[in-house]
Amino acid sequence: MTGRARSHIRVQDLRVSTRSGDERKTLLDIPEWVVERGVQVVLHGASGCGKTTLLHLLAGVLAPTSGKVGVGEFELTELSESQRDHFRATRVGYIFQGLNLIPGLTALENVLLGAEFGGTRTTRGAAADMLSRMGFDAASRTPSERLSVGEQQRVAVARALVKRPELVLADEPTSALDRRNREQVLDLLKSVCGDTGSTLVVVTHDDWVLQQFSVRVDFEALNRALSGAGDG
């Protein structure tokens, strides 16, 4: 590897700690983690072990207690909060576990709004095409009243991917879906990221999702805080 030329995600000496009174708790302690550009990787581990916290660091939502987080040409730990916000809006597609769709908007409007937040010029036709690729043919319906959970998940995926982000972060993207829908949504997510060359990081505690990826990272092995090895 030639360093930053091929690596897309670079984590070094990363620590996230919280303090309550005189007690300090280490949530993350990751000595090093590197992901090359365009790789699709799954982070697996039990719920509540810190996987979502790592996604928030990669997206620039959070800043670590110490250490470095790099994505592409950006060293996120050297950016201000507003600069990290801009990075996230323009470079990252985030699929939240809670979906975060806006109830009063149609599916098409939700996708267009995601592109607008990212500063991307996206036509209604391009947004409709992405929804169609997700197997979604009801762009006029609103998410709160007439969309199934599976349909809402497809809209959330389309919203994250329509701006063709270089990094896609997916937090338990199939957790609320039945077997048929989770297979379709995950296949579509992997396929679109493959076509656009986006790096994909999925976190899950679902063994079925884990088996769909060739690059798998055991979060307990990655995060020394889970074993107590990083406490100090």
C-alpha atoms as a PDB file:
ATOM      1  CA  MET A   1       0.000   0.000   0.000  1.00  0.00           C
ATOM      2  CA  THR A   2       1.181   3.511  -0.727  1.00  0.00           C
ATOM      3  CA  GLY A   3      -0.486   5.113   2.279  1.00  0.00           C
ATOM      4  CA  ARG A   4      -3.121   7.712   1.514  1.00  0.00           C
ATOM      5  CA  ALA A   5      -3.061   6.954  -2.214  1.00  0.00           C
ATOM      6  CA  ARG A   6      -4.964   3.678  -1.661  1.00  0.00           C
ATOM      7  CA  SER A   7      -6.338   3.911   1.854  1.00  0.00           C
ATOM      8  CA  HIS A   8      -9.681   5.594   2.263  1.00  0.00           C
ATOM      9  CA  ILE A   9     -10.288   5.209   5.989  1.00  0.00           C
ATOM     10  CA  ARG A  10      -7.400   5.649   8.419  1.00  0.00           C
ATOM     11  CA  VAL A  11      -7.849   5.310  12.176  1.00  0.00           C
ATOM     12  CA  GLN A  12      -4.843   5.620  14.472  1.00  0.00           C
ATOM     13  CA  ASP A  13      -4.574   5.571  18.278  1.00  0.00           C
ATOM     14  CA  LEU A  14      -8.281   6.362  18.511  1.00  0.00           C
ATOM     15  CA  ARG A  15      -9.809   6.757  21.954  1.00  0.00           C
ATOM     16  CA  VAL A  16     -13.231   7.901  23.025  1.00  0.00           C
ATOM     17  CA  SER A  17     -13.801   8.286  26.761  1.00  0.00           C
ATOM     18  CA  THR A  18     -16.525   9.655  28.996  1.00  0.00           C
ATOM     19  CA  ARG A  19     -16.201  10.872  32.568  1.00  0.00           C
ATOM     20  CA  SER A  20     -18.731  10.775  35.379  1.00  0.00           C
ATOM     21  CA  GLY A  21     -17.345  12.389  38.524  1.00  0.00           C
ATOM     22  CA  ASP A  22     -13.990  10.774  39.183  1.00  0.00           C
ATOM     23  CA  GLU A  23     -14.726   7.751  37.044  1.00  0.00           C
ATOM     24  CA  ARG A  24     -13.599   7.550  33.436  1.00  0.00           C
ATOM     25  CA  LYS A  25     -14.993   4.991  31.017  1.00  0.00           C
ATOM     26  CA  THR A  26     -13.295   4.179  27.709  1.00  0.00           C
ATOM     27  CA  LEU A  27     -15.814   3.441  24.963  1.00  0.00           C
ATOM     28  CA  LEU A  28     -13.396   3.042  22.062  1.00  0.00           C
ATOM     29  CA  ASP A  29      -9.718   2.181  21.981  1.00  0.00           C
ATOM     30  CA  ILE A  30      -8.609   1.316  18.450  1.00  0.00           C
ATOM     31  CA  PRO A  31      -4.832   1.309  17.838  1.00  0.00           C
ATOM     32  CA  GLU A  32      -5.108   1.161  14.036  1.00  0.00           C
ATOM     33  CA  TRP A  33      -7.637   0.423  11.318  1.00  0.00           C
ATOM     34  CA  VAL A  34      -7.275   1.009   7.583  1.00  0.00           C
ATOM     35  CA  VAL A  35      -9.803   0.408   4.809  1.00  0.00           C
ATOM     36  CA  GLU A  36      -8.849   0.748   1.158  1.00  0.00           C
ATOM     37  CA  ARG A  37     -10.941   2.782  -1.251  1.00  0.00           C
ATOM     38  CA  GLY A  38     -13.946   0.997  -2.716  1.00  0.00           C
ATOM     39  CA  VAL A  39     -13.900  -1.884  -0.216  1.00  0.00           C
ATOM     40  CA  GLN A  40     -17.187  -3.134   1.252  1.00  0.00           C
ATOM     41  CA  VAL A  41     -16.696  -4.119   4.887  1.00  0.00           C
ATOM     42  CA  VAL A  42     -18.967  -5.252   7.699  1.00  0.00           C
ATOM     43  CA  LEU A  43     -18.270  -4.531  11.367  1.00  0.00           C
ATOM     44  CA  HIS A  44     -19.974  -7.109  13.551  1.00  0.00           C
ATOM     45  CA  GLY A  45     -20.509  -7.274  17.266  1.00  0.00           C
ATOM     46  CA  ALA A  46     -23.144  -7.178  19.974  1.00  0.00           C
ATOM     47  CA  SER A  47     -25.533  -4.248  20.295  1.00  0.00           C
ATOM     48  CA  GLY A  48     -24.153  -1.413  22.407  1.00  0.00           C
ATOM     49  CA  CYS A  49     -20.478  -2.252  21.858  1.00  0.00           C
ATOM     50  CA  GLY A  50     -19.573   1.045  20.171  1.00  0.00           C
ATOM     51  CA  LYS A  51     -20.066   0.323  16.478  1.00  0.00           C
ATOM     52  CA  THR A  52     -22.403   3.289  15.974  1.00  0.00           C
ATOM     53  CA  THR A  53     -19.969   5.557  17.821  1.00  0.00           C
ATOM     54  CA  LEU A  54     -17.280   4.601  15.311  1.00  0.00           C
ATOM     55  CA  LEU A  55     -19.624   5.399  12.416  1.00  0.00           C
ATOM     56  CA  HIS A  56     -20.287   8.823  13.953  1.00  0.00           C
ATOM     57  CA  LEU A  57     -16.544   9.458  14.124  1.00  0.00           C
ATOM     58  CA  LEU A  58     -16.079   8.440  10.479  1.00  0.00           C
ATOM     59  CA  ALA A  59     -18.919  10.773   9.489  1.00  0.00           C
ATOM     60  CA  GLY A  60     -17.551  13.670  11.527  1.00  0.00           C
ATOM     61  CA  VAL A  61     -20.598  13.760  13.804  1.00  0.00           C
ATOM     62  CA  LEU A  62     -18.326  13.212  16.815  1.00  0.00           C
ATOM     63  CA  ALA A  63     -14.725  14.085  17.565  1.00  0.00           C
ATOM     64  CA  PRO A  64     -12.562  11.577  19.471  1.00  0.00           C
ATOM     65  CA  THR A  65     -11.004  12.147  22.866  1.00  0.00           C
ATOM     66  CA  SER A  66      -7.609  11.526  21.250  1.00  0.00           C
ATOM     67  CA  GLY A  67      -6.105   9.989  18.141  1.00  0.00           C
ATOM     68  CA  LYS A  68      -6.688  10.496  14.421  1.00  0.00           C
ATOM     69  CA  VAL A  69      -9.513   9.763  12.006  1.00  0.00           C
ATOM     70  CA  GLY A  70      -8.817  10.232   8.308  1.00  0.00           C
ATOM     71  CA  VAL A  71     -11.178   9.778   5.359  1.00  0.00           C
ATOM     72  CA  GLY A  72      -9.708  10.303   1.906  1.00  0.00           C
ATOM     73  CA  GLU A  73      -7.704  13.523   1.844  1.00  0.00           C
ATOM     74  CA  PHE A  74      -9.341  14.759   5.040  1.00  0.00           C
ATOM     75  CA  GLU A  75      -7.983  14.442   8.563  1.00  0.00           C
ATOM     76  CA  LEU A  76     -11.268  14.853  10.411  1.00  0.00           C
ATOM     77  CA  THR A  77      -9.582  15.483  13.751  1.00  0.00           C
ATOM     78  CA  GLU A  78      -8.008  18.629  12.290  1.00  0.00           C
ATOM     79  CA  LEU A  79     -11.332  20.079  11.090  1.00  0.00           C
ATOM     80  CA  SER A  80     -13.691  22.384  12.941  1.00  0.00           C
ATOM     81  CA  GLU A  81     -17.241  21.245  13.652  1.00  0.00           C
ATOM     82  CA  SER A  82     -18.588  23.275  10.721  1.00  0.00           C
ATOM     83  CA  GLN A  83     -15.937  21.836   8.417  1.00  0.00           C
ATOM     84  CA  ARG A  84     -16.867  18.322   9.523  1.00  0.00           C
ATOM     85  CA  ASP A  85     -20.529  19.147   8.827  1.00  0.00           C
ATOM     86  CA  HIS A  86     -19.597  20.180   5.288  1.00  0.00           C
ATOM     87  CA  PHE A  87     -17.490  17.041   4.818  1.00  0.00           C
ATOM     88  CA  ARG A  88     -20.393  14.855   5.927  1.00  0.00           C
ATOM     89  CA  ALA A  89     -22.909  16.640   3.705  1.00  0.00           C
ATOM     90  CA  THR A  90     -20.770  16.430   0.577  1.00  0.00           C
ATOM     91  CA  ARG A  91     -18.798  13.190   0.960  1.00  0.00           C
ATOM     92  CA  VAL A  92     -20.824  10.791   3.118  1.00  0.00           C
ATOM     93  CA  GLY A  93     -24.057   8.889   2.622  1.00  0.00           C
ATOM     94  CA  TYR A  94     -25.384   7.855   6.029  1.00  0.00           C
ATOM     95  CA  ILE A  95     -28.140   5.261   6.424  1.00  0.00           C
ATOM     96  CA  PHE A  96     -29.431   5.663   9.964  1.00  0.00           C
ATOM     97  CA  GLN A  97     -30.909   2.798  11.933  1.00  0.00           C
ATOM     98  CA  GLY A  98     -33.892   5.032  12.683  1.00  0.00           C
ATOM     99  CA  LEU A  99     -34.203   5.997   8.975  1.00  0.00           C
ATOM    100  CA  ASN A 100     -34.876   9.711   9.786  1.00  0.00           C
ATOM    101  CA  LEU A 101     -37.264  10.303   6.910  1.00  0.00           C
ATOM    102  CA  ILE A 102     -39.340  13.488   7.028  1.00  0.00           C
ATOM    103  CA  PRO A 103     -42.991  12.392   7.402  1.00  0.00           C
ATOM    104  CA  GLY A 104     -44.591  15.301   5.559  1.00  0.00           C
ATOM    105  CA  LEU A 105     -42.566  14.771   2.388  1.00  0.00           C
ATOM    106  CA  THR A 106     -43.073  12.235  -0.375  1.00  0.00           C
ATOM    107  CA  ALA A 107     -40.475   9.553  -1.009  1.00  0.00           C
ATOM    108  CA  LEU A 108     -39.161  11.521  -3.981  1.00  0.00           C
ATOM    109  CA  GLU A 109     -38.954  14.738  -1.951  1.00  0.00           C
ATOM    110  CA  ASN A 110     -37.057  12.940   0.830  1.00  0.00           C
ATOM    111  CA  VAL A 111     -34.456  11.747  -1.678  1.00  0.00           C
ATOM    112  CA  LEU A 112     -34.150  15.183  -3.287  1.00  0.00           C
ATOM    113  CA  LEU A 113     -33.743  16.808   0.127  1.00  0.00           C
ATOM    114  CA  GLY A 114     -30.861  14.471   0.942  1.00  0.00           C
ATOM    115  CA  ALA A 115     -29.066  15.607  -2.194  1.00  0.00           C
ATOM    116  CA  GLU A 116     -29.820  19.271  -1.466  1.00  0.00           C
ATOM    117  CA  PHE A 117     -28.264  19.007   2.006  1.00  0.00           C
ATOM    118  CA  GLY A 118     -25.161  17.646   0.319  1.00  0.00           C
ATOM    119  CA  GLY A 119     -24.951  20.546  -2.099  1.00  0.00           C
ATOM    120  CA  THR A 120     -25.454  18.169  -5.011  1.00  0.00           C
ATOM    121  CA  ARG A 121     -27.410  19.152  -8.106  1.00  0.00           C
ATOM    122  CA  THR A 122     -29.825  16.256  -8.494  1.00  0.00           C
ATOM    123  CA  THR A 123     -32.780  16.332 -10.856  1.00  0.00           C
ATOM    124  CA  ARG A 124     -36.145  14.834 -10.038  1.00  0.00           C
ATOM    125  CA  GLY A 125     -35.446  12.336 -12.793  1.00  0.00           C
ATOM    126  CA  ALA A 126     -32.187  11.195 -11.181  1.00  0.00           C
ATOM    127  CA  ALA A 127     -33.884  10.857  -7.795  1.00  0.00           C
ATOM    128  CA  ALA A 128     -36.753   8.909  -9.350  1.00  0.00           C
ATOM    129  CA  ASP A 129     -34.255   6.664 -11.156  1.00  0.00           C
ATOM    130  CA  MET A 130     -32.492   5.876  -7.863  1.00  0.00           C
ATOM    131  CA  LEU A 131     -35.829   5.059  -6.224  1.00  0.00           C
ATOM    132  CA  SER A 132     -36.669   2.857  -9.192  1.00  0.00           C
ATOM    133  CA  ARG A 133     -33.378   1.055  -8.811  1.00  0.00           C
ATOM    134  CA  MET A 134     -34.331   0.402  -5.196  1.00  0.00           C
ATOM    135  CA  GLY A 135     -37.457  -1.315  -6.548  1.00  0.00           C
ATOM    136  CA  PHE A 136     -39.622   1.547  -5.346  1.00  0.00           C
ATOM    137  CA  ASP A 137     -42.475   2.566  -7.618  1.00  0.00           C
ATOM    138  CA  ALA A 138     -44.565   4.834  -5.380  1.00  0.00           C
ATOM    139  CA  ALA A 139     -42.654   8.104  -5.194  1.00  0.00           C
ATOM    140  CA  SER A 140     -45.769  10.137  -4.476  1.00  0.00           C
ATOM    141  CA  ARG A 141     -46.619   8.495  -1.131  1.00  0.00           C
ATOM    142  CA  THR A 142     -45.526   9.960   2.200  1.00  0.00           C
ATOM    143  CA  PRO A 143     -43.429   7.830   4.578  1.00  0.00           C
ATOM    144  CA  SER A 144     -45.596   8.221   7.673  1.00  0.00           C
ATOM    145  CA  GLU A 145     -48.938   7.160   6.229  1.00  0.00           C
ATOM    146  CA  ARG A 146     -48.649   4.753   3.336  1.00  0.00           C
ATOM    147  CA  LEU A 147     -45.162   3.252   3.219  1.00  0.00           C
ATOM    148  CA  SER A 148     -44.261  -0.118   4.665  1.00  0.00           C
ATOM    149  CA  VAL A 149     -41.111  -0.443   6.771  1.00  0.00           C
ATOM    150  CA  GLY A 150     -39.380  -2.103   3.823  1.00  0.00           C
ATOM    151  CA  GLU A 151     -40.357   0.758   1.513  1.00  0.00           C
ATOM    152  CA  GLN A 152     -39.142   3.339   4.031  1.00  0.00           C
ATOM    153  CA  GLN A 153     -35.797   1.524   4.208  1.00  0.00           C
ATOM    154  CA  ARG A 154     -35.477   1.664   0.419  1.00  0.00           C
ATOM    155  CA  VAL A 155     -36.166   5.407   0.452  1.00  0.00           C
ATOM    156  CA  ALA A 156     -33.503   5.896   3.135  1.00  0.00           C
ATOM    157  CA  VAL A 157     -30.969   3.955   1.052  1.00  0.00           C
ATOM    158  CA  ALA A 158     -31.857   5.920  -2.083  1.00  0.00           C
ATOM    159  CA  ARG A 159     -31.480   9.207  -0.174  1.00  0.00           C
ATOM    160  CA  ALA A 160     -28.002   8.215   0.993  1.00  0.00           C
ATOM    161  CA  LEU A 161     -26.828   7.056  -2.435  1.00  0.00           C
ATOM    162  CA  VAL A 162     -28.359   9.612  -4.809  1.00  0.00           C
ATOM    163  CA  LYS A 163     -25.476  12.091  -4.384  1.00  0.00           C
ATOM    164  CA  ARG A 164     -22.983   9.306  -5.203  1.00  0.00           C
ATOM    165  CA  PRO A 165     -20.981   9.729  -1.977  1.00  0.00           C
ATOM    166  CA  GLU A 166     -17.429   8.442  -1.715  1.00  0.00           C
ATOM    167  CA  LEU A 167     -18.187   6.875   1.682  1.00  0.00           C
ATOM    168  CA  VAL A 168     -21.418   5.099   2.653  1.00  0.00           C
ATOM    169  CA  LEU A 169     -22.062   4.278   6.313  1.00  0.00           C
ATOM    170  CA  ALA A 170     -24.965   1.963   7.124  1.00  0.00           C
ATOM    171  CA  ASP A 171     -26.080   1.410  10.713  1.00  0.00           C
ATOM    172  CA  GLU A 172     -28.005  -1.886  10.966  1.00  0.00           C
ATOM    173  CA  PRO A 173     -29.606  -1.210   7.567  1.00  0.00           C
ATOM    174  CA  THR A 174     -31.772  -4.348   7.578  1.00  0.00           C
ATOM    175  CA  SER A 175     -32.636  -4.705  11.270  1.00  0.00           C
ATOM    176  CA  ALA A 176     -36.340  -3.848  10.865  1.00  0.00           C
ATOM    177  CA  LEU A 177     -36.909  -5.914   7.711  1.00  0.00           C
ATOM    178  CA  ASP A 178     -38.181  -9.414   7.051  1.00  0.00           C
ATOM    179  CA  ARG A 179     -35.931 -11.910   5.259  1.00  0.00           C
ATOM    180  CA  ARG A 180     -37.143 -11.117   1.730  1.00  0.00           C
ATOM    181  CA  ASN A 181     -36.846  -7.351   2.136  1.00  0.00           C
ATOM    182  CA  ARG A 182     -33.449  -7.452   3.863  1.00  0.00           C
ATOM    183  CA  GLU A 183     -32.001  -9.566   1.056  1.00  0.00           C
ATOM    184  CA  GLN A 184     -33.266  -7.131  -1.573  1.00  0.00           C
ATOM    185  CA  VAL A 185     -32.169  -3.972   0.290  1.00  0.00           C
ATOM    186  CA  LEU A 186     -28.690  -5.293   1.086  1.00  0.00           C
ATOM    187  CA  ASP A 187     -28.168  -6.541  -2.476  1.00  0.00           C
ATOM    188  CA  LEU A 188     -29.169  -3.139  -3.851  1.00  0.00           C
ATOM    189  CA  LEU A 189     -26.943  -1.291  -1.392  1.00  0.00           C
ATOM    190  CA  LYS A 190     -23.903  -3.386  -2.299  1.00  0.00           C
ATOM    191  CA  SER A 191     -24.649  -3.206  -6.020  1.00  0.00           C
ATOM    192  CA  VAL A 192     -24.986   0.599  -6.171  1.00  0.00           C
ATOM    193  CA  CYS A 193     -21.862   1.129  -4.061  1.00  0.00           C
ATOM    194  CA  GLY A 194     -19.990  -1.244  -6.360  1.00  0.00           C
ATOM    195  CA  ASP A 195     -21.120   0.688  -9.433  1.00  0.00           C
ATOM    196  CA  THR A 196     -20.119   4.075  -7.973  1.00  0.00           C
ATOM    197  CA  GLY A 197     -16.888   2.860  -6.353  1.00  0.00           C
ATOM    198  CA  SER A 198     -18.068   4.024  -2.935  1.00  0.00           C
ATOM    199  CA  THR A 199     -16.436   2.604   0.164  1.00  0.00           C
ATOM    200  CA  LEU A 200     -19.133   0.868   2.209  1.00  0.00           C
ATOM    201  CA  VAL A 201     -19.041   0.261   5.967  1.00  0.00           C
ATOM    202  CA  VAL A 202     -21.970  -1.666   7.445  1.00  0.00           C
ATOM    203  CA  VAL A 203     -22.391  -2.361  11.154  1.00  0.00           C
ATOM    204  CA  THR A 204     -24.516  -5.265  12.300  1.00  0.00           C
ATOM    205  CA  HIS A 205     -25.109  -7.874  14.963  1.00  0.00           C
ATOM    206  CA  ASP A 206     -27.011 -10.048  12.453  1.00  0.00           C
ATOM    207  CA  ASP A 207     -25.148 -13.238  11.480  1.00  0.00           C
ATOM    208  CA  TRP A 208     -26.987 -13.393   8.153  1.00  0.00           C
ATOM    209  CA  VAL A 209     -25.794  -9.912   7.141  1.00  0.00           C
ATOM    210  CA  LEU A 210     -22.271 -10.839   8.235  1.00  0.00           C
ATOM    211  CA  GLN A 211     -22.181 -13.767   5.828  1.00  0.00           C
ATOM    212  CA  GLN A 212     -22.987 -11.504   2.853  1.00  0.00           C
ATOM    213  CA  PHE A 213     -19.587  -9.787   3.046  1.00  0.00           C
ATOM    214  CA  SER A 214     -16.139 -11.156   2.273  1.00  0.00           C
ATOM    215  CA  VAL A 215     -14.421  -8.458   4.373  1.00  0.00           C
ATOM    216  CA  ARG A 216     -15.509  -8.871   7.993  1.00  0.00           C
ATOM    217  CA  VAL A 217     -14.165  -7.134  11.069  1.00  0.00           C
ATOM    218  CA  ASP A 218     -14.801  -8.467  14.559  1.00  0.00           C
ATOM    219  CA  PHE A 219     -15.440  -5.285  16.513  1.00  0.00           C
ATOM    220  CA  GLU A 220     -14.437  -6.856  19.806  1.00  0.00           C
ATOM    221  CA  ALA A 221     -11.011  -7.647  18.345  1.00  0.00           C
ATOM    222  CA  LEU A 222     -10.731  -4.154  16.855  1.00  0.00           C
ATOM    223  CA  ASN A 223     -11.827  -2.248  19.955  1.00  0.00           C
ATOM    224  CA  ARG A 224      -9.539  -2.984  22.896  1.00  0.00           C
ATOM    225  CA  ALA A 225     -11.898  -1.171  25.264  1.00  0.00           C
ATOM    226  CA  LEU A 226     -14.290  -4.123  25.112  1.00  0.00           C
ATOM    227  CA  SER A 227     -11.726  -6.434  26.678  1.00  0.00           C
ATOM    228  CA  GLY A 228     -10.375  -3.828  29.111  1.00  0.00           C
ATOM    229  CA  ALA A 229      -6.957  -3.922  27.417  1.00  0.00           C
ATOM    230  CA  GLY A 230      -7.115  -0.212  26.668  1.00  0.00           C
ATOM    231  CA  ASP A 231      -8.111   1.041  30.099  1.00  0.00           C
ATOM    232  CA  GLY A 232      -5.578   3.187  31.873  1.00  0.00           C
END
